[in-house]
Amino acid sequence: MLARPAGLVPVETMTVAMQPGYSVLRQFTGQIEAAMQVSAGFELSGRLTHVLADEGETVAPGQPLARLDTSALTPEDAALRADRAAAAADAELARLTLSRNDALTERGFRSVAAQDEARLTLARAEARIAAIEAQIASVAVRLDKSVLTAPFAARIGARLVEPGQTISAGQPVMMLLDTAPPRLRVGLPPDLAATLSPGDRVRVAVDGTELPATVRHLRPDLDADTRSRAVVLTVDAPALPGQTARLILSQQIDEPGFWAPLSALREGVRGSWSVMALEPTPDGDRTVPVAVEVIHTDGARVFLRGVLPEGGRILGRAPDRVAPGQTVLAVGG
């Protein structure tokens, strides 16, 4: 074992490894939203008689959610059907009259004018039947629209009305949230958004838990206020609409330099920084300050740019312990 030269201060060193760039983790905040969110309401006005689903329940497509009072439509439908029966009887009578007139006209006992009148009477009766059937169909449509059904598989959010209320057409009755995996909408700088494509796998953090997500689509325009581009992601794990989430992206920065521990930096005047490089001499390693520029830091490390050769050595810790030009004993590196 070689004896340590007397009087030399031992210092911890590291070897410079130049790199073409570095990567940084960037986080962008957005809000979890349902794949679809609909304010469900009736197309008709009326008195609400039944609410058939409550908050938090899961409903299937087509499942009834609420009903309106249809008591006024039942007698209207009955009256129209009676009118149709009467019109059908009138049409049958007109049809028989026309048939008899045709036979009498051929034998010369009825005039052509009487035959025309019988034909027009039949046409009017058939037109009346068509009009009544259209009214009956209209009542059927109103009866159908008096039942609010789920347009897709959903969970019931807020219930906004109660039975007995008179509601207007289009008034929201309840909120429907799609049961499909939720989505996250985030605004990104255009250059960073351009690095993503539909189908890319990324990570999001919800309440401190990282979840997998998939890029669904990118908006083709920029937000006029923030000048950001919206990216919509499908979150492949349970998350609640309304939760705040963060998209975590690794961005590669093409900037040559090298990593060093934060403890390798030596502060100079006017905010300048330097590291203490080592220059071999016959008596030991001599310290030489080299100016550097701090490009990036991740807390414990800094990415530096400076005039240092590949494989050069610098002090990795406590450069303030030694003076420029001092001969030291290198340990490590």
C-alpha atoms as a PDB file:
ATOM      1  CA  MET A   1       0.000   0.000   0.000  1.00  0.00           C
ATOM      2  CA  LEU A   2       1.373   3.387  -1.051  1.00  0.00           C
ATOM      3  CA  ALA A   3       1.808   5.988   1.644  1.00  0.00           C
ATOM      4  CA  ARG A   4      -0.212   9.152   1.362  1.00  0.00           C
ATOM      5  CA  PRO A   5       2.010  12.127   0.390  1.00  0.00           C
ATOM      6  CA  ALA A   6       2.411  14.377   3.389  1.00  0.00           C
ATOM      7  CA  GLY A   7       0.409  17.587   3.479  1.00  0.00           C
ATOM      8  CA  LEU A   8      -1.958  16.776   0.594  1.00  0.00           C
ATOM      9  CA  VAL A   9      -5.654  17.237   1.247  1.00  0.00           C
ATOM     10  CA  PRO A  10      -7.691  14.206   0.130  1.00  0.00           C
ATOM     11  CA  VAL A  11     -10.591  15.218  -2.108  1.00  0.00           C
ATOM     12  CA  GLU A  12     -13.449  13.264  -3.675  1.00  0.00           C
ATOM     13  CA  THR A  13     -13.389  13.415  -7.453  1.00  0.00           C
ATOM     14  CA  MET A  14     -15.566  12.361 -10.379  1.00  0.00           C
ATOM     15  CA  THR A  15     -14.967  11.836 -14.084  1.00  0.00           C
ATOM     16  CA  VAL A  16     -16.769  14.103 -16.557  1.00  0.00           C
ATOM     17  CA  ALA A  17     -19.007  12.164 -18.978  1.00  0.00           C
ATOM     18  CA  MET A  18     -20.225  14.457 -21.768  1.00  0.00           C
ATOM     19  CA  GLN A  19     -23.763  13.863 -23.023  1.00  0.00           C
ATOM     20  CA  PRO A  20     -25.647  15.229 -26.056  1.00  0.00           C
ATOM     21  CA  GLY A  21     -28.578  16.334 -23.886  1.00  0.00           C
ATOM     22  CA  TYR A  22     -30.718  15.576 -20.893  1.00  0.00           C
ATOM     23  CA  SER A  23     -34.316  14.678 -20.105  1.00  0.00           C
ATOM     24  CA  VAL A  24     -36.618  16.519 -17.733  1.00  0.00           C
ATOM     25  CA  LEU A  25     -39.880  15.476 -16.150  1.00  0.00           C
ATOM     26  CA  ARG A  26     -42.607  18.017 -16.771  1.00  0.00           C
ATOM     27  CA  GLN A  27     -46.037  17.981 -15.188  1.00  0.00           C
ATOM     28  CA  PHE A  28     -49.188  19.602 -16.515  1.00  0.00           C
ATOM     29  CA  THR A  29     -52.393  19.903 -14.519  1.00  0.00           C
ATOM     30  CA  GLY A  30     -55.834  19.098 -15.866  1.00  0.00           C
ATOM     31  CA  GLN A  31     -59.173  17.811 -14.679  1.00  0.00           C
ATOM     32  CA  ILE A  32     -60.674  14.352 -14.913  1.00  0.00           C
ATOM     33  CA  GLU A  33     -63.929  14.357 -16.867  1.00  0.00           C
ATOM     34  CA  ALA A  34     -66.435  11.705 -17.873  1.00  0.00           C
ATOM     35  CA  ALA A  35     -66.165  10.303 -21.390  1.00  0.00           C
ATOM     36  CA  MET A  36     -69.643  11.762 -21.895  1.00  0.00           C
ATOM     37  CA  GLN A  37     -71.683  13.959 -19.584  1.00  0.00           C
ATOM     38  CA  VAL A  38     -75.274  14.767 -20.470  1.00  0.00           C
ATOM     39  CA  SER A  39     -77.953  16.882 -18.825  1.00  0.00           C
ATOM     40  CA  ALA A  40     -80.950  14.634 -19.490  1.00  0.00           C
ATOM     41  CA  GLY A  41     -84.357  16.270 -19.847  1.00  0.00           C
ATOM     42  CA  PHE A  42     -87.739  15.848 -21.531  1.00  0.00           C
ATOM     43  CA  GLU A  43     -88.579  17.276 -24.927  1.00  0.00           C
ATOM     44  CA  LEU A  44     -92.048  18.083 -23.582  1.00  0.00           C
ATOM     45  CA  SER A  45     -93.275  20.133 -20.674  1.00  0.00           C
ATOM     46  CA  GLY A  46     -95.501  18.598 -18.013  1.00  0.00           C
ATOM     47  CA  ARG A  47     -95.836  17.414 -14.452  1.00  0.00           C
ATOM     48  CA  LEU A  48     -93.235  14.925 -13.288  1.00  0.00           C
ATOM     49  CA  THR A  49     -94.855  11.861 -11.721  1.00  0.00           C
ATOM     50  CA  HIS A  50     -91.989   9.397 -11.245  1.00  0.00           C
ATOM     51  CA  VAL A  51     -88.199   9.544 -10.933  1.00  0.00           C
ATOM     52  CA  LEU A  52     -87.007   5.977 -11.496  1.00  0.00           C
ATOM     53  CA  ALA A  53     -83.251   6.300 -10.862  1.00  0.00           C
ATOM     54  CA  ASP A  54     -81.319   7.834  -7.997  1.00  0.00           C
ATOM     55  CA  GLU A  55     -77.893   9.434  -7.670  1.00  0.00           C
ATOM     56  CA  GLY A  56     -75.018   6.979  -7.961  1.00  0.00           C
ATOM     57  CA  GLU A  57     -77.038   4.253  -9.695  1.00  0.00           C
ATOM     58  CA  THR A  58     -75.810   2.633 -12.903  1.00  0.00           C
ATOM     59  CA  VAL A  59     -78.351   2.452 -15.730  1.00  0.00           C
ATOM     60  CA  ALA A  60     -78.392   0.583 -19.045  1.00  0.00           C
ATOM     61  CA  PRO A  61     -79.107   2.125 -22.456  1.00  0.00           C
ATOM     62  CA  GLY A  62     -82.855   2.597 -22.906  1.00  0.00           C
ATOM     63  CA  GLN A  63     -83.655   2.166 -19.220  1.00  0.00           C
ATOM     64  CA  PRO A  64     -86.500   4.478 -18.048  1.00  0.00           C
ATOM     65  CA  LEU A  65     -85.303   7.277 -15.789  1.00  0.00           C
ATOM     66  CA  ALA A  66     -88.421   9.395 -15.213  1.00  0.00           C
ATOM     67  CA  ARG A  67     -92.049   9.783 -16.358  1.00  0.00           C
ATOM     68  CA  LEU A  68     -94.386  12.695 -17.022  1.00  0.00           C
ATOM     69  CA  ASP A  69     -98.106  12.779 -16.312  1.00  0.00           C
ATOM     70  CA  THR A  70     -99.932  11.408 -19.390  1.00  0.00           C
ATOM     71  CA  SER A  71    -103.492  11.443 -18.015  1.00  0.00           C
ATOM     72  CA  ALA A  72    -104.570  14.095 -20.547  1.00  0.00           C
ATOM     73  CA  LEU A  73    -103.243  12.071 -23.483  1.00  0.00           C
ATOM     74  CA  THR A  74    -105.287   8.923 -22.750  1.00  0.00           C
ATOM     75  CA  PRO A  75    -108.742  10.447 -23.439  1.00  0.00           C
ATOM     76  CA  GLU A  76    -107.322  12.374 -26.389  1.00  0.00           C
ATOM     77  CA  ASP A  77    -106.091   9.104 -27.890  1.00  0.00           C
ATOM     78  CA  ALA A  78    -109.480   7.441 -27.230  1.00  0.00           C
ATOM     79  CA  ALA A  79    -111.360  10.326 -28.880  1.00  0.00           C
ATOM     80  CA  LEU A  80    -109.125  10.208 -31.961  1.00  0.00           C
ATOM     81  CA  ARG A  81    -109.603   6.471 -32.334  1.00  0.00           C
ATOM     82  CA  ALA A  82    -113.383   6.969 -32.159  1.00  0.00           C
ATOM     83  CA  ASP A  83    -113.127   9.681 -34.827  1.00  0.00           C
ATOM     84  CA  ARG A  84    -111.104   7.297 -36.977  1.00  0.00           C
ATOM     85  CA  ALA A  85    -113.799   4.617 -36.624  1.00  0.00           C
ATOM     86  CA  ALA A  86    -116.474   7.115 -37.646  1.00  0.00           C
ATOM     87  CA  ALA A  87    -114.378   8.293 -40.591  1.00  0.00           C
ATOM     88  CA  ALA A  88    -113.812   4.681 -41.631  1.00  0.00           C
ATOM     89  CA  ALA A  89    -117.589   4.115 -41.607  1.00  0.00           C
ATOM     90  CA  ASP A  90    -118.134   7.226 -43.721  1.00  0.00           C
ATOM     91  CA  ALA A  91    -115.461   6.016 -46.119  1.00  0.00           C
ATOM     92  CA  GLU A  92    -117.105   2.594 -46.396  1.00  0.00           C
ATOM     93  CA  LEU A  93    -120.469   4.218 -47.094  1.00  0.00           C
ATOM     94  CA  ALA A  94    -118.888   6.432 -49.755  1.00  0.00           C
ATOM     95  CA  ARG A  95    -117.181   3.394 -51.262  1.00  0.00           C
ATOM     96  CA  LEU A  96    -120.516   1.488 -51.499  1.00  0.00           C
ATOM     97  CA  THR A  97    -122.284   4.536 -52.942  1.00  0.00           C
ATOM     98  CA  LEU A  98    -119.581   4.924 -55.577  1.00  0.00           C
ATOM     99  CA  SER A  99    -119.864   1.239 -56.504  1.00  0.00           C
ATOM    100  CA  ARG A 100    -123.629   1.486 -56.912  1.00  0.00           C
ATOM    101  CA  ASN A 101    -123.332   4.698 -58.938  1.00  0.00           C
ATOM    102  CA  ASP A 102    -120.793   3.050 -61.227  1.00  0.00           C
ATOM    103  CA  ALA A 103    -123.286   0.262 -61.975  1.00  0.00           C
ATOM    104  CA  LEU A 104    -126.198   2.672 -62.493  1.00  0.00           C
ATOM    105  CA  THR A 105    -124.127   5.004 -64.677  1.00  0.00           C
ATOM    106  CA  GLU A 106    -123.221   2.129 -66.982  1.00  0.00           C
ATOM    107  CA  ARG A 107    -126.949   1.382 -67.391  1.00  0.00           C
ATOM    108  CA  GLY A 108    -127.752   5.065 -67.900  1.00  0.00           C
ATOM    109  CA  PHE A 109    -129.720   5.573 -64.705  1.00  0.00           C
ATOM    110  CA  ARG A 110    -127.228   7.962 -62.973  1.00  0.00           C
ATOM    111  CA  SER A 111    -125.441  11.010 -64.265  1.00  0.00           C
ATOM    112  CA  VAL A 112    -121.707  11.409 -64.488  1.00  0.00           C
ATOM    113  CA  ALA A 113    -121.958  14.332 -62.019  1.00  0.00           C
ATOM    114  CA  ALA A 114    -123.476  12.074 -59.370  1.00  0.00           C
ATOM    115  CA  GLN A 115    -120.679   9.581 -59.923  1.00  0.00           C
ATOM    116  CA  ASP A 116    -118.046  12.327 -59.512  1.00  0.00           C
ATOM    117  CA  GLU A 117    -119.692  13.509 -56.286  1.00  0.00           C
ATOM    118  CA  ALA A 118    -119.590   9.979 -54.854  1.00  0.00           C
ATOM    119  CA  ARG A 119    -115.911   9.639 -55.791  1.00  0.00           C
ATOM    120  CA  LEU A 120    -114.987  12.942 -54.128  1.00  0.00           C
ATOM    121  CA  THR A 121    -116.977  11.992 -51.016  1.00  0.00           C
ATOM    122  CA  LEU A 122    -114.878   8.835 -50.728  1.00  0.00           C
ATOM    123  CA  ALA A 123    -111.645  10.823 -51.219  1.00  0.00           C
ATOM    124  CA  ARG A 124    -112.629  13.274 -48.465  1.00  0.00           C
ATOM    125  CA  ALA A 125    -113.411  10.403 -46.079  1.00  0.00           C
ATOM    126  CA  GLU A 126    -110.047   8.728 -46.776  1.00  0.00           C
ATOM    127  CA  ALA A 127    -108.228  12.054 -46.319  1.00  0.00           C
ATOM    128  CA  ARG A 128    -109.981  12.528 -42.986  1.00  0.00           C
ATOM    129  CA  ILE A 129    -108.855   9.038 -41.909  1.00  0.00           C
ATOM    130  CA  ALA A 130    -105.244   9.901 -42.834  1.00  0.00           C
ATOM    131  CA  ALA A 131    -105.423  13.146 -40.835  1.00  0.00           C
ATOM    132  CA  ILE A 132    -106.826  11.363 -37.775  1.00  0.00           C
ATOM    133  CA  GLU A 133    -104.152   8.649 -38.004  1.00  0.00           C
ATOM    134  CA  ALA A 134    -101.496  11.387 -38.087  1.00  0.00           C
ATOM    135  CA  GLN A 135    -103.014  12.861 -34.903  1.00  0.00           C
ATOM    136  CA  ILE A 136    -103.015   9.415 -33.273  1.00  0.00           C
ATOM    137  CA  ALA A 137     -99.351   9.006 -34.224  1.00  0.00           C
ATOM    138  CA  SER A 138     -98.620  12.420 -32.700  1.00  0.00           C
ATOM    139  CA  VAL A 139    -100.227  11.325 -29.428  1.00  0.00           C
ATOM    140  CA  ALA A 140     -98.134   8.139 -29.529  1.00  0.00           C
ATOM    141  CA  VAL A 141     -94.978  10.211 -29.967  1.00  0.00           C
ATOM    142  CA  ARG A 142     -95.933  12.408 -27.001  1.00  0.00           C
ATOM    143  CA  LEU A 143     -96.633   9.311 -24.913  1.00  0.00           C
ATOM    144  CA  ASP A 144     -93.224   7.911 -25.886  1.00  0.00           C
ATOM    145  CA  LYS A 145     -91.472  11.214 -25.115  1.00  0.00           C
ATOM    146  CA  SER A 146     -93.197  11.334 -21.714  1.00  0.00           C
ATOM    147  CA  VAL A 147     -90.752   8.629 -20.601  1.00  0.00           C
ATOM    148  CA  LEU A 148     -87.132   9.767 -20.207  1.00  0.00           C
ATOM    149  CA  THR A 149     -84.704   6.942 -21.028  1.00  0.00           C
ATOM    150  CA  ALA A 150     -80.936   6.597 -20.721  1.00  0.00           C
ATOM    151  CA  PRO A 151     -79.200   7.263 -24.073  1.00  0.00           C
ATOM    152  CA  PHE A 152     -76.142   5.199 -23.049  1.00  0.00           C
ATOM    153  CA  ALA A 153     -74.768   3.138 -20.175  1.00  0.00           C
ATOM    154  CA  ALA A 154     -74.309   5.711 -17.436  1.00  0.00           C
ATOM    155  CA  ARG A 155     -74.073   6.527 -13.761  1.00  0.00           C
ATOM    156  CA  ILE A 156     -76.556   8.996 -12.359  1.00  0.00           C
ATOM    157  CA  GLY A 157     -74.930  12.189 -11.137  1.00  0.00           C
ATOM    158  CA  ALA A 158     -77.004  15.009  -9.680  1.00  0.00           C
ATOM    159  CA  ARG A 159     -80.803  14.583  -9.604  1.00  0.00           C
ATOM    160  CA  LEU A 160     -82.206  18.019 -10.269  1.00  0.00           C
ATOM    161  CA  VAL A 161     -85.988  17.645  -9.881  1.00  0.00           C
ATOM    162  CA  GLU A 162     -88.476  15.785  -7.710  1.00  0.00           C
ATOM    163  CA  PRO A 163     -91.850  14.134  -8.456  1.00  0.00           C
ATOM    164  CA  GLY A 164     -94.730  16.606  -8.484  1.00  0.00           C
ATOM    165  CA  GLN A 165     -92.761  19.432 -10.095  1.00  0.00           C
ATOM    166  CA  THR A 166     -94.006  20.945 -13.320  1.00  0.00           C
ATOM    167  CA  ILE A 167     -91.055  21.165 -15.679  1.00  0.00           C
ATOM    168  CA  SER A 168     -90.533  22.872 -18.999  1.00  0.00           C
ATOM    169  CA  ALA A 169     -89.275  21.337 -22.207  1.00  0.00           C
ATOM    170  CA  GLY A 170     -85.502  20.870 -22.117  1.00  0.00           C
ATOM    171  CA  GLN A 171     -85.204  21.493 -18.374  1.00  0.00           C
ATOM    172  CA  PRO A 172     -82.459  19.212 -16.945  1.00  0.00           C
ATOM    173  CA  VAL A 173     -83.839  16.378 -14.833  1.00  0.00           C
ATOM    174  CA  MET A 174     -80.583  14.592 -13.969  1.00  0.00           C
ATOM    175  CA  MET A 175     -76.931  14.430 -14.958  1.00  0.00           C
ATOM    176  CA  LEU A 176     -75.686  11.296 -16.710  1.00  0.00           C
ATOM    177  CA  LEU A 177     -72.009  10.318 -16.589  1.00  0.00           C
ATOM    178  CA  ASP A 178     -70.719   7.720 -19.056  1.00  0.00           C
ATOM    179  CA  THR A 179     -69.497   4.472 -17.486  1.00  0.00           C
ATOM    180  CA  ALA A 180     -66.629   4.292 -20.008  1.00  0.00           C
ATOM    181  CA  PRO A 181     -63.097   5.010 -18.670  1.00  0.00           C
ATOM    182  CA  PRO A 182     -62.741   8.680 -17.691  1.00  0.00           C
ATOM    183  CA  ARG A 183     -60.685  11.193 -19.616  1.00  0.00           C
ATOM    184  CA  LEU A 184     -58.149  13.841 -18.742  1.00  0.00           C
ATOM    185  CA  ARG A 185     -57.939  17.075 -20.719  1.00  0.00           C
ATOM    186  CA  VAL A 186     -54.620  18.933 -20.438  1.00  0.00           C
ATOM    187  CA  GLY A 187     -53.202  21.988 -22.179  1.00  0.00           C
ATOM    188  CA  LEU A 188     -49.616  21.538 -23.428  1.00  0.00           C
ATOM    189  CA  PRO A 189     -47.112  23.816 -25.159  1.00  0.00           C
ATOM    190  CA  PRO A 190     -47.544  23.251 -28.913  1.00  0.00           C
ATOM    191  CA  ASP A 191     -44.001  21.914 -29.397  1.00  0.00           C
ATOM    192  CA  LEU A 192     -44.443  19.348 -26.623  1.00  0.00           C
ATOM    193  CA  ALA A 193     -47.929  18.368 -27.769  1.00  0.00           C
ATOM    194  CA  ALA A 194     -46.509  17.693 -31.242  1.00  0.00           C
ATOM    195  CA  THR A 195     -44.368  14.885 -29.797  1.00  0.00           C
ATOM    196  CA  LEU A 196     -47.504  12.928 -28.830  1.00  0.00           C
ATOM    197  CA  SER A 197     -49.707  10.810 -31.086  1.00  0.00           C
ATOM    198  CA  PRO A 198     -53.029   9.010 -30.529  1.00  0.00           C
ATOM    199  CA  GLY A 199     -52.352   5.660 -28.895  1.00  0.00           C
ATOM    200  CA  ASP A 200     -49.209   6.767 -27.031  1.00  0.00           C
ATOM    201  CA  ARG A 201     -48.946   5.432 -23.476  1.00  0.00           C
ATOM    202  CA  VAL A 202     -48.252   8.029 -20.788  1.00  0.00           C
ATOM    203  CA  ARG A 203     -48.528   8.421 -17.007  1.00  0.00           C
ATOM    204  CA  VAL A 204     -50.873  10.600 -14.990  1.00  0.00           C
ATOM    205  CA  ALA A 205     -50.919  11.273 -11.262  1.00  0.00           C
ATOM    206  CA  VAL A 206     -54.245  11.431  -9.420  1.00  0.00           C
ATOM    207  CA  ASP A 207     -54.162  12.231  -5.696  1.00  0.00           C
ATOM    208  CA  GLY A 208     -50.518  11.150  -5.536  1.00  0.00           C
ATOM    209  CA  THR A 209     -51.117   7.825  -7.301  1.00  0.00           C
ATOM    210  CA  GLU A 210     -49.642   7.283 -10.762  1.00  0.00           C
ATOM    211  CA  LEU A 211     -52.044   5.693 -13.261  1.00  0.00           C
ATOM    212  CA  PRO A 212     -51.552   4.557 -16.860  1.00  0.00           C
ATOM    213  CA  ALA A 213     -53.240   6.581 -19.592  1.00  0.00           C
ATOM    214  CA  THR A 214     -53.507   6.575 -23.371  1.00  0.00           C
ATOM    215  CA  VAL A 215     -53.499   9.591 -25.682  1.00  0.00           C
ATOM    216  CA  ARG A 216     -56.944   9.697 -27.306  1.00  0.00           C
ATOM    217  CA  HIS A 217     -56.658  12.733 -29.552  1.00  0.00           C
ATOM    218  CA  LEU A 218     -55.074  16.171 -29.864  1.00  0.00           C
ATOM    219  CA  ARG A 219     -57.042  19.294 -30.637  1.00  0.00           C
ATOM    220  CA  PRO A 220     -56.033  20.782 -34.009  1.00  0.00           C
ATOM    221  CA  ASP A 221     -56.154  24.364 -32.675  1.00  0.00           C
ATOM    222  CA  LEU A 222     -54.643  26.488 -29.903  1.00  0.00           C
ATOM    223  CA  ASP A 223     -56.461  27.952 -26.930  1.00  0.00           C
ATOM    224  CA  ALA A 224     -56.811  31.666 -27.611  1.00  0.00           C
ATOM    225  CA  ASP A 225     -56.080  32.629 -23.983  1.00  0.00           C
ATOM    226  CA  THR A 226     -53.297  30.247 -22.970  1.00  0.00           C
ATOM    227  CA  ARG A 227     -51.835  29.524 -26.433  1.00  0.00           C
ATOM    228  CA  SER A 228     -51.735  25.863 -25.421  1.00  0.00           C
ATOM    229  CA  ARG A 229     -52.911  22.813 -27.345  1.00  0.00           C
ATOM    230  CA  ALA A 230     -55.435  20.539 -25.640  1.00  0.00           C
ATOM    231  CA  VAL A 231     -54.618  16.832 -25.371  1.00  0.00           C
ATOM    232  CA  VAL A 232     -57.340  14.370 -24.316  1.00  0.00           C
ATOM    233  CA  LEU A 233     -56.261  11.131 -22.631  1.00  0.00           C
ATOM    234  CA  THR A 234     -58.144   8.020 -21.566  1.00  0.00           C
ATOM    235  CA  VAL A 235     -57.266   7.091 -17.983  1.00  0.00           C
ATOM    236  CA  ASP A 236     -56.981   3.294 -17.771  1.00  0.00           C
ATOM    237  CA  ALA A 237     -57.900   3.077 -14.085  1.00  0.00           C
ATOM    238  CA  PRO A 238     -60.687   4.293 -11.800  1.00  0.00           C
ATOM    239  CA  ALA A 239     -60.810   8.058 -11.335  1.00  0.00           C
ATOM    240  CA  LEU A 240     -63.655  10.382 -10.433  1.00  0.00           C
ATOM    241  CA  PRO A 241     -64.821  13.188 -12.728  1.00  0.00           C
ATOM    242  CA  GLY A 242     -63.850  16.498 -11.202  1.00  0.00           C
ATOM    243  CA  GLN A 243     -60.592  15.244  -9.688  1.00  0.00           C
ATOM    244  CA  THR A 244     -57.448  17.198 -10.449  1.00  0.00           C
ATOM    245  CA  ALA A 245     -54.776  15.161 -12.219  1.00  0.00           C
ATOM    246  CA  ARG A 246     -51.290  15.789 -13.584  1.00  0.00           C
ATOM    247  CA  LEU A 247     -49.861  14.528 -16.851  1.00  0.00           C
ATOM    248  CA  ILE A 248     -46.205  13.487 -16.403  1.00  0.00           C
ATOM    249  CA  LEU A 249     -44.027  13.723 -19.503  1.00  0.00           C
ATOM    250  CA  SER A 250     -40.332  13.183 -20.059  1.00  0.00           C
ATOM    251  CA  GLN A 251     -38.928  15.794 -22.433  1.00  0.00           C
ATOM    252  CA  GLN A 252     -35.553  15.386 -24.133  1.00  0.00           C
ATOM    253  CA  ILE A 253     -33.511  18.591 -24.350  1.00  0.00           C
ATOM    254  CA  ASP A 254     -30.762  18.588 -26.970  1.00  0.00           C
ATOM    255  CA  GLU A 255     -28.122  20.584 -25.078  1.00  0.00           C
ATOM    256  CA  PRO A 256     -24.574  19.168 -24.750  1.00  0.00           C
ATOM    257  CA  GLY A 257     -23.135  19.066 -21.252  1.00  0.00           C
ATOM    258  CA  PHE A 258     -22.508  16.786 -18.287  1.00  0.00           C
ATOM    259  CA  TRP A 259     -24.111  15.871 -14.980  1.00  0.00           C
ATOM    260  CA  ALA A 260     -22.467  16.699 -11.674  1.00  0.00           C
ATOM    261  CA  PRO A 261     -23.619  16.630  -8.063  1.00  0.00           C
ATOM    262  CA  LEU A 262     -24.887  19.899  -6.693  1.00  0.00           C
ATOM    263  CA  SER A 263     -22.013  19.773  -4.193  1.00  0.00           C
ATOM    264  CA  ALA A 264     -19.501  20.145  -7.069  1.00  0.00           C
ATOM    265  CA  LEU A 265     -20.523  23.739  -7.747  1.00  0.00           C
ATOM    266  CA  ARG A 266     -18.422  26.657  -6.571  1.00  0.00           C
ATOM    267  CA  GLU A 267     -20.194  30.017  -6.413  1.00  0.00           C
ATOM    268  CA  GLY A 268     -18.451  33.012  -7.930  1.00  0.00           C
ATOM    269  CA  VAL A 269     -19.196  36.716  -8.231  1.00  0.00           C
ATOM    270  CA  ARG A 270     -22.345  38.108  -9.840  1.00  0.00           C
ATOM    271  CA  GLY A 271     -24.104  34.773  -9.823  1.00  0.00           C
ATOM    272  CA  SER A 272     -21.416  32.931 -11.779  1.00  0.00           C
ATOM    273  CA  TRP A 273     -20.543  29.294 -11.112  1.00  0.00           C
ATOM    274  CA  SER A 274     -17.466  27.150 -11.526  1.00  0.00           C
ATOM    275  CA  VAL A 275     -16.206  23.667 -10.798  1.00  0.00           C
ATOM    276  CA  MET A 276     -12.744  22.720  -9.607  1.00  0.00           C
ATOM    277  CA  ALA A 277     -10.985  20.660 -12.274  1.00  0.00           C
ATOM    278  CA  LEU A 278      -7.867  18.598 -11.593  1.00  0.00           C
ATOM    279  CA  GLU A 279      -4.657  18.911 -13.573  1.00  0.00           C
ATOM    280  CA  PRO A 280      -2.017  16.191 -13.086  1.00  0.00           C
ATOM    281  CA  THR A 281       1.430  17.358 -11.936  1.00  0.00           C
ATOM    282  CA  PRO A 282       4.500  15.417 -10.729  1.00  0.00           C
ATOM    283  CA  ASP A 283       3.646  16.376  -7.159  1.00  0.00           C
ATOM    284  CA  GLY A 284      -0.058  15.500  -7.358  1.00  0.00           C
ATOM    285  CA  ASP A 285      -3.257  16.878  -8.822  1.00  0.00           C
ATOM    286  CA  ARG A 286      -3.468  20.645  -9.005  1.00  0.00           C
ATOM    287  CA  THR A 287      -6.862  22.361  -8.780  1.00  0.00           C
ATOM    288  CA  VAL A 288      -7.952  24.627 -11.628  1.00  0.00           C
ATOM    289  CA  PRO A 289     -11.275  26.522 -11.506  1.00  0.00           C
ATOM    290  CA  VAL A 290     -13.343  26.196 -14.705  1.00  0.00           C
ATOM    291  CA  ALA A 291     -16.358  28.405 -15.350  1.00  0.00           C
ATOM    292  CA  VAL A 292     -19.585  26.499 -16.053  1.00  0.00           C
ATOM    293  CA  GLU A 293     -23.184  27.354 -16.861  1.00  0.00           C
ATOM    294  CA  VAL A 294     -26.002  25.661 -15.003  1.00  0.00           C
ATOM    295  CA  ILE A 295     -28.457  24.418 -17.625  1.00  0.00           C
ATOM    296  CA  HIS A 296     -30.788  22.318 -15.482  1.00  0.00           C
ATOM    297  CA  THR A 297     -31.140  20.883 -11.997  1.00  0.00           C
ATOM    298  CA  ASP A 298     -33.229  18.044 -10.641  1.00  0.00           C
ATOM    299  CA  GLY A 299     -32.556  18.907  -7.016  1.00  0.00           C
ATOM    300  CA  ALA A 300     -29.581  16.696  -6.229  1.00  0.00           C
ATOM    301  CA  ARG A 301     -27.768  17.036  -9.558  1.00  0.00           C
ATOM    302  CA  VAL A 302     -27.038  19.805 -12.030  1.00  0.00           C
ATOM    303  CA  PHE A 303     -26.501  19.612 -15.778  1.00  0.00           C
ATOM    304  CA  LEU A 304     -23.554  21.831 -16.671  1.00  0.00           C
ATOM    305  CA  ARG A 305     -22.015  23.328 -19.764  1.00  0.00           C
ATOM    306  CA  GLY A 306     -18.358  24.257 -19.737  1.00  0.00           C
ATOM    307  CA  VAL A 307     -14.967  23.835 -21.394  1.00  0.00           C
ATOM    308  CA  LEU A 308     -13.994  20.457 -19.985  1.00  0.00           C
ATOM    309  CA  PRO A 309     -12.609  17.493 -21.911  1.00  0.00           C
ATOM    310  CA  GLU A 310     -14.292  14.100 -22.014  1.00  0.00           C
ATOM    311  CA  GLY A 311     -12.846  12.026 -19.186  1.00  0.00           C
ATOM    312  CA  GLY A 312     -11.611  15.064 -17.287  1.00  0.00           C
ATOM    313  CA  ARG A 313     -11.840  15.056 -13.514  1.00  0.00           C
ATOM    314  CA  ILE A 314     -13.468  17.541 -11.162  1.00  0.00           C
ATOM    315  CA  LEU A 315     -14.011  17.746  -7.435  1.00  0.00           C
ATOM    316  CA  GLY A 316     -17.328  16.110  -6.662  1.00  0.00           C
ATOM    317  CA  ARG A 317     -17.696  17.500  -3.169  1.00  0.00           C
ATOM    318  CA  ALA A 318     -16.683  20.581  -1.137  1.00  0.00           C
ATOM    319  CA  PRO A 319     -14.699  22.525  -3.756  1.00  0.00           C
ATOM    320  CA  ASP A 320     -14.564  25.458  -1.326  1.00  0.00           C
ATOM    321  CA  ARG A 321     -12.226  23.463   0.942  1.00  0.00           C
ATOM    322  CA  VAL A 322      -9.325  23.949  -1.459  1.00  0.00           C
ATOM    323  CA  ALA A 323      -7.870  26.973  -3.193  1.00  0.00           C
ATOM    324  CA  PRO A 324      -7.213  27.351  -6.896  1.00  0.00           C
ATOM    325  CA  GLY A 325      -3.786  25.986  -7.756  1.00  0.00           C
ATOM    326  CA  GLN A 326      -3.599  23.844  -4.615  1.00  0.00           C
ATOM    327  CA  THR A 327      -2.132  20.371  -4.955  1.00  0.00           C
ATOM    328  CA  VAL A 328      -4.536  17.715  -3.614  1.00  0.00           C
ATOM    329  CA  LEU A 329      -4.813  13.971  -3.301  1.00  0.00           C
ATOM    330  CA  ALA A 330      -7.569  12.648  -5.609  1.00  0.00           C
ATOM    331  CA  VAL A 331      -9.794   9.938  -4.156  1.00  0.00           C
ATOM    332  CA  GLY A 332     -12.192   8.103  -6.505  1.00  0.00           C
ATOM    333  CA  GLY A 333     -13.200   9.245  -9.997  1.00  0.00           C
END
